Amino acid sequence: MPKKKQVVRREWTKADIQELKAHSKARTPVVKISKATKRTVGALRQKALNLGIGLGHQR
């Protein structure tokens, strides 16, 4: 059985949250934010949801 990848959790700093909010305002695609912040798309969406901000493209 292949070994499961170890999940490394990283705390959200004030700077991380500010960056996320800036990306939200700029309507940056989530995949681009994911690469820039080295966080998963799911993690970004969860945090945005908790902060009550939109992420990615809004219809």
Protein backbone atom coordinates (compact mmCIF):
# COMPACT_ATOMS: atom_id res chain seq x y z
CA MET A 1 0.00 0.00 0.00
CA PRO A 2 1.45 3.40 -0.97
CA LYS A 3 2.25 5.73 1.91
CA LYS A 4 -0.18 8.61 2.28
CA LYS A 5 1.31 12.06 1.90
CA GLN A 6 1.77 13.74 5.27
CA VAL A 7 -0.53 16.74 5.68
CA VAL A 8 1.37 19.77 6.87
CA ARG A 9 -0.94 22.39 8.30
CA ARG A 10 0.15 26.01 8.15
CA GLU A 11 -1.36 28.75 10.27
CA TRP A 12 -2.91 31.73 8.50
CA THR A 13 -0.93 34.85 9.36
CA LYS A 14 -2.36 38.38 9.14
CA ALA A 15 -0.24 38.85 6.01
CA ASP A 16 -1.70 35.68 4.45
CA ILE A 17 -5.24 36.92 5.09
CA GLN A 18 -4.42 40.37 3.66
CA GLU A 19 -2.99 38.70 0.55
CA LEU A 20 -6.12 36.56 0.19
CA LYS A 21 -8.36 39.64 0.48
CA ALA A 22 -6.27 41.49 -2.12
CA HIS A 23 -6.58 38.55 -4.53
CA SER A 24 -10.32 38.46 -3.85
CA LYS A 25 -10.67 42.14 -4.80
CA ALA A 26 -8.50 41.63 -7.89
CA ARG A 27 -10.60 38.58 -8.85
CA THR A 28 -7.47 36.44 -9.28
CA PRO A 29 -8.21 32.87 -10.42
CA VAL A 30 -8.04 30.46 -7.45
CA VAL A 31 -5.44 28.25 -9.15
CA LYS A 32 -3.09 31.26 -9.46
CA ILE A 33 -3.61 32.17 -5.78
CA SER A 34 -2.98 28.53 -4.88
CA LYS A 35 0.40 28.54 -6.64
CA ALA A 36 1.38 31.94 -5.21
CA THR A 37 0.49 31.05 -1.60
CA LYS A 38 1.49 27.35 -1.79
CA ARG A 39 -1.89 26.37 -0.38
CA THR A 40 -4.51 24.05 -1.83
CA VAL A 41 -7.55 25.39 -3.66
CA GLY A 42 -9.74 23.79 -0.99
CA ALA A 43 -7.86 25.50 1.82
CA LEU A 44 -8.19 28.88 0.10
CA ARG A 45 -11.91 28.41 -0.53
CA GLN A 46 -12.52 27.36 3.09
CA LYS A 47 -10.66 30.39 4.46
CA ALA A 48 -12.48 32.74 2.07
CA LEU A 49 -15.79 31.24 3.16
CA ASN A 50 -14.91 31.74 6.84
CA LEU A 51 -13.88 35.34 6.14
CA GLY A 52 -17.04 35.91 4.13
CA ILE A 53 -15.20 37.00 0.97
CA GLY A 54 -15.63 35.78 -2.60
CA LEU A 55 -12.86 33.96 -4.39
CA GLY A 56 -12.12 33.41 -8.07
CA HIS A 57 -14.67 34.27 -10.70
CA GLN A 58 -18.11 35.38 -9.59
CA ARG A 59 -20.99 35.00 -11.98
